[in-house]
Protein backbone atom coordinates (compact mmCIF):
# COMPACT_ATOMS: atom_id res chain seq x y z
CA UNK A 1 167.69 -115.65 67.33
CA UNK A 2 170.83 -113.94 66.28
CA UNK A 3 172.13 -111.28 68.69
CA UNK A 4 172.61 -108.88 65.70
CA UNK A 5 168.93 -108.88 65.04
CA UNK A 6 167.87 -108.05 68.62
CA UNK A 7 168.63 -104.34 68.45
CA UNK A 8 166.65 -104.02 65.21
CA UNK A 9 163.72 -105.71 66.71
CA UNK A 10 163.77 -103.50 69.73
CA UNK A 11 164.04 -100.42 67.45
CA UNK A 12 161.06 -101.46 65.36
CA UNK A 13 158.95 -102.06 68.47
CA UNK A 14 159.81 -98.49 69.74
CA UNK A 15 158.83 -96.91 66.47
CA UNK A 16 155.57 -98.82 66.43
CA UNK A 17 154.65 -97.70 69.87
CA UNK A 18 155.44 -94.02 69.25
CA UNK A 19 152.08 -93.17 67.53
CA UNK A 20 150.27 -94.96 70.45
CA UNK A 21 152.12 -92.98 73.20
CA UNK A 22 151.40 -89.70 71.21
CA UNK A 23 147.79 -90.57 71.02
CA UNK A 24 147.60 -91.38 74.74
CA UNK A 25 149.34 -88.04 75.51
CA UNK A 26 146.78 -86.17 73.41
CA UNK A 27 143.89 -87.84 75.09
CA UNK A 28 145.31 -87.04 78.60
CA UNK A 29 146.07 -83.41 77.62
CA UNK A 30 143.98 -80.81 79.62
CA UNK A 31 140.82 -79.70 77.68
CA UNK A 32 137.79 -77.52 78.07
CA UNK A 33 134.52 -78.77 76.68
CA UNK A 34 131.57 -76.39 75.96
CA UNK A 35 128.17 -76.88 74.62
CA UNK A 36 126.06 -73.95 73.43
CA UNK A 37 122.67 -73.36 71.84
CA UNK A 38 121.45 -70.23 69.98
CA UNK A 39 118.11 -69.18 68.36
CA UNK A 40 117.73 -67.01 65.47
CA UNK A 41 114.45 -65.17 64.88
CA UNK A 42 113.69 -64.44 61.33
CA UNK A 43 110.64 -62.57 59.69
CA UNK A 44 109.13 -64.74 57.05
CA UNK A 45 109.01 -63.41 53.45
CA UNK A 46 107.05 -66.26 51.80
CA UNK A 47 103.67 -68.02 52.53
CA UNK A 48 101.60 -70.90 51.23
CA UNK A 49 97.82 -71.01 51.41
CA UNK A 50 96.21 -74.27 51.65
CA UNK A 51 92.42 -74.46 50.52
CA UNK A 52 89.87 -76.85 49.46
CA UNK A 53 86.86 -76.86 47.20
CA UNK A 54 84.19 -79.47 47.37
CA UNK A 55 80.83 -80.64 46.05
CA UNK A 56 78.38 -83.14 47.35
CA UNK A 57 75.89 -85.45 45.64
CA UNK A 58 72.39 -85.51 47.01
CA UNK A 59 71.93 -88.03 49.88
CA UNK A 60 70.07 -91.10 48.93
CA UNK A 61 69.08 -94.34 50.64
CA UNK A 62 71.64 -97.22 50.32
CA UNK A 63 69.12 -99.34 48.11
CA UNK A 64 68.33 -96.67 45.57
CA UNK A 65 69.29 -96.96 41.91
CA UNK A 66 73.07 -96.71 41.43
CA UNK A 67 72.55 -95.30 37.95
CA UNK A 68 71.06 -92.06 39.41
CA UNK A 69 74.00 -91.96 41.75
CA UNK A 70 76.43 -92.16 38.89
CA UNK A 71 74.71 -89.31 37.21
CA UNK A 72 74.86 -87.25 40.40
CA UNK A 73 78.44 -87.89 40.72
CA UNK A 74 79.23 -86.74 37.17
CA UNK A 75 77.14 -83.59 37.79
CA UNK A 76 78.96 -82.83 41.06
CA UNK A 77 82.23 -83.39 39.49
CA UNK A 78 81.32 -80.94 36.66
CA UNK A 79 80.37 -78.32 39.27
CA UNK A 80 83.59 -78.83 41.18
CA UNK A 81 85.75 -78.42 37.93
CA UNK A 82 83.88 -75.26 36.97
CA UNK A 83 84.55 -73.67 40.52
CA UNK A 84 88.11 -74.74 40.33
CA UNK A 85 88.49 -72.98 37.12
CA UNK A 86 86.74 -69.99 38.58
CA UNK A 87 89.13 -69.94 41.52
CA UNK A 88 92.30 -70.00 39.36
CA UNK A 89 90.93 -67.30 37.17
CA UNK A 90 90.10 -65.08 40.18
CA UNK A 91 93.59 -65.59 41.72
CA UNK A 92 95.26 -64.72 38.44
CA UNK A 93 93.12 -61.50 38.19
CA UNK A 94 94.39 -60.75 41.84
CA UNK A 95 97.94 -60.77 40.42
CA UNK A 96 99.02 -64.33 41.08
CA UNK A 97 101.19 -66.23 38.50
CA UNK A 98 99.61 -69.39 37.22
CA UNK A 99 102.62 -71.41 38.30
CA UNK A 100 102.17 -70.31 41.86
CA UNK A 101 98.83 -72.27 42.02
CA UNK A 102 98.93 -75.94 42.68
CA UNK A 103 95.69 -77.92 42.23
CA UNK A 104 95.65 -81.34 43.67
CA UNK A 105 93.98 -84.45 42.33
CA UNK A 106 90.30 -85.28 42.93
CA UNK A 107 89.45 -86.87 46.19
CA UNK A 108 86.26 -88.87 46.76
CA UNK A 109 84.85 -89.35 50.27
CA UNK A 110 81.54 -91.26 51.08
CA UNK A 111 79.50 -89.70 53.78
CA UNK A 112 76.77 -91.13 55.87
CA UNK A 113 74.11 -88.93 57.31
CA UNK A 114 70.95 -89.76 59.30
CA UNK A 115 67.74 -89.44 57.51
CA UNK A 116 64.04 -89.17 58.83
CA UNK A 117 62.63 -91.69 61.20
CA UNK A 118 60.65 -94.53 59.91
CA UNK A 119 57.23 -95.47 61.09
CA UNK A 120 58.92 -97.95 63.55
CA UNK A 121 60.86 -95.08 64.97
CA UNK A 122 64.17 -96.07 63.49
CA UNK A 123 66.31 -93.56 61.72
CA UNK A 124 67.28 -94.43 58.16
CA UNK A 125 70.90 -93.84 57.21
CA UNK A 126 71.59 -92.00 53.96
CA UNK A 127 74.72 -92.04 51.72
CA UNK A 128 76.13 -89.28 49.83
CA UNK A 129 79.51 -88.62 48.10
CA UNK A 130 81.87 -85.57 48.66
CA UNK A 131 84.21 -84.82 45.83
CA UNK A 132 87.08 -82.56 46.70
CA UNK A 133 89.94 -80.62 45.22
CA UNK A 134 92.88 -79.30 47.35
CA UNK A 135 94.76 -76.22 46.29
CA UNK A 136 98.03 -74.77 47.41
CA UNK A 137 98.91 -71.08 46.46
CA UNK A 138 102.56 -69.84 46.81
CA UNK A 139 102.73 -66.20 47.96
CA UNK A 140 105.87 -64.47 47.20
CA UNK A 141 104.55 -60.92 48.47
CA UNK A 142 103.11 -61.09 51.89
CA UNK A 143 101.52 -57.71 51.36
CA UNK A 144 99.22 -59.17 48.74
CA UNK A 145 98.08 -61.85 51.25
CA UNK A 146 94.84 -60.06 52.43
CA UNK A 147 93.95 -59.38 48.73
CA UNK A 148 94.33 -63.05 47.80
CA UNK A 149 92.34 -64.30 50.74
CA UNK A 150 89.55 -61.90 49.64
CA UNK A 151 89.71 -63.22 46.20
CA UNK A 152 89.50 -66.80 47.50
CA UNK A 153 86.42 -65.89 49.52
CA UNK A 154 84.84 -64.46 46.32
CA UNK A 155 85.55 -67.56 44.53
CA UNK A 156 83.46 -69.43 47.22
CA UNK A 157 86.40 -71.64 48.60
CA UNK A 158 84.77 -74.06 51.08
CA UNK A 159 87.78 -74.44 53.50
CA UNK A 160 90.92 -72.55 54.09
CA UNK A 161 93.12 -74.85 56.15
CA UNK A 162 95.75 -72.25 57.05
CA UNK A 163 98.66 -70.10 56.02
CA UNK A 164 102.20 -71.57 56.34
CA UNK A 165 104.92 -68.84 56.60
CA UNK A 166 108.26 -69.75 55.16
CA UNK A 167 111.60 -68.23 54.09
CA UNK A 168 113.03 -67.79 50.60
CA UNK A 169 116.52 -68.60 51.64
CA UNK A 170 116.42 -71.22 54.49
CA UNK A 171 120.18 -72.01 54.20
CA UNK A 172 121.23 -68.38 54.95
CA UNK A 173 119.11 -68.26 58.12
CA UNK A 174 120.30 -71.77 59.26
CA UNK A 175 123.95 -70.59 58.68
CA UNK A 176 123.28 -67.41 60.83
CA UNK A 177 121.94 -69.65 63.72
CA UNK A 178 125.01 -72.00 63.50
CA UNK A 179 127.35 -68.95 63.72
CA UNK A 180 125.58 -67.47 66.70
CA UNK A 181 125.92 -70.92 68.42
CA UNK A 182 129.58 -71.10 67.74
CA UNK A 183 130.08 -67.60 68.89
CA UNK A 184 128.22 -68.27 72.13
CA UNK A 185 130.48 -71.30 72.56
CA UNK A 186 133.61 -69.25 72.29
CA UNK A 187 132.22 -66.74 74.71
CA UNK A 188 131.52 -69.26 77.28
CA UNK A 189 134.90 -70.93 76.89
CA UNK A 190 136.78 -67.71 77.25
CA UNK A 191 134.70 -66.76 80.29
CA UNK A 192 135.41 -70.16 81.92
CA UNK A 193 139.07 -69.97 81.03
CA UNK A 194 139.42 -66.44 82.45
CA UNK A 195 137.61 -67.53 85.65
CA UNK A 196 139.62 -70.70 86.10
CA UNK A 197 142.94 -69.07 85.38
CA UNK A 198 143.85 -70.98 82.23
CA UNK A 199 144.69 -70.26 78.69
CA UNK A 200 142.62 -71.43 75.76
CA UNK A 201 144.73 -73.19 73.13
CA UNK A 202 143.75 -74.70 69.76
CA UNK A 203 140.27 -76.12 69.09
CA UNK A 204 140.69 -79.82 69.16
CA UNK A 205 137.12 -80.86 68.43
CA UNK A 206 133.84 -79.38 67.24
CA UNK A 207 130.55 -80.89 66.31
CA UNK A 208 126.78 -80.04 66.02
CA UNK A 209 124.85 -81.62 68.80
CA UNK A 210 121.86 -81.20 66.48
CA UNK A 211 121.63 -79.64 63.14
CA UNK A 212 119.79 -76.22 62.80
CA UNK A 213 116.02 -76.96 63.52
CA UNK A 214 113.77 -75.09 61.08
CA UNK A 215 110.03 -75.30 61.00
CA UNK A 216 107.74 -73.06 58.94
CA UNK A 217 105.28 -71.16 60.94
CA UNK A 218 101.59 -72.29 60.61
CA UNK A 219 98.74 -70.03 61.17
CA UNK A 220 95.43 -71.76 61.53
CA UNK A 221 92.28 -70.36 59.83
CA UNK A 222 88.56 -71.05 60.12
CA UNK A 223 87.61 -74.46 58.66
CA UNK A 224 84.85 -72.82 56.73
CA UNK A 225 85.51 -69.40 55.22
CA UNK A 226 81.81 -68.58 54.67
CA UNK A 227 81.37 -68.76 58.30
CA UNK A 228 84.55 -66.90 59.35
CA UNK A 229 84.85 -63.13 59.88
CA UNK A 230 87.19 -61.44 57.37
CA UNK A 231 90.31 -60.33 59.05
CA UNK A 232 91.64 -56.83 58.40
CA UNK A 233 95.28 -57.78 58.78
CA UNK A 234 97.63 -60.80 58.95
CA UNK A 235 100.70 -60.85 61.09
CA UNK A 236 103.23 -63.42 60.21
CA UNK A 237 105.33 -63.12 63.32
CA UNK A 238 108.78 -64.59 63.29
CA UNK A 239 110.29 -68.11 62.61
CA UNK A 240 112.73 -69.46 65.20
CA UNK A 241 115.66 -71.44 64.02
CA UNK A 242 117.70 -73.29 66.71
CA UNK A 243 121.31 -74.53 66.48
CA UNK A 244 123.56 -76.38 68.96
CA UNK A 245 127.23 -77.03 68.96
CA UNK A 246 129.88 -78.69 71.12
CA UNK A 247 133.41 -77.46 71.09
CA UNK A 248 136.70 -78.56 72.81
CA UNK A 249 139.79 -76.54 73.29
CA UNK A 250 143.24 -77.43 74.68
CA UNK A 251 143.94 -75.50 77.86
CA UNK A 252 147.28 -74.54 79.54
CA UNK A 253 147.77 -73.05 83.03
CA UNK A 254 148.49 -69.25 82.92
CA UNK A 255 152.14 -68.52 83.84
């Protein structure tokens, strides 16, 4: 190798090592790591009612004529559709917009129930069919909730599965929870730095340890509205949104 090339090779090696040395220096620089969590309680401003209508065919023995069973199914479905139409009309009369009412598809459930005992003392098993339609009702004004529940009772809803409280603007509430977590991290870092006699420098790393957790609040209701006692008021409570962050600062000893 020519002696004239040796200085150039050494210079190139030094230049190549410079970023590595800088990276190692950054990694060994004193730092303060802080984790913080925050909760944001928000009063819900939206709700969804989940309800069901159903009709049953008469219970028959398994070996009875299937033709009569088909007729019973058709009659039960006609009754169910008539009641579904009545429910939608009742809700609209109560002030609800049609597009706020979502009617699910027809569900068919076979049911087996015990019959009377035979002369041999055995109990015969009977079969019937339940035809069911689920409904979801979006409520934009929570003050109208009691009125809508009364309207559903008047429409002879078989089951009210519950009320799910929600927010119109989830993103804004999640952002507020994240800001609270970052502010808490900053407060903790300043407290620790002051106590330890160091000075906070620039933020060198920040991340979410988990994204803001948001869950609509469910209020369970009686399985059968006809057996439940009407409630005078409905309190939605609050929805809790959680956020967590991890933040790292450079630190320097105080002079």
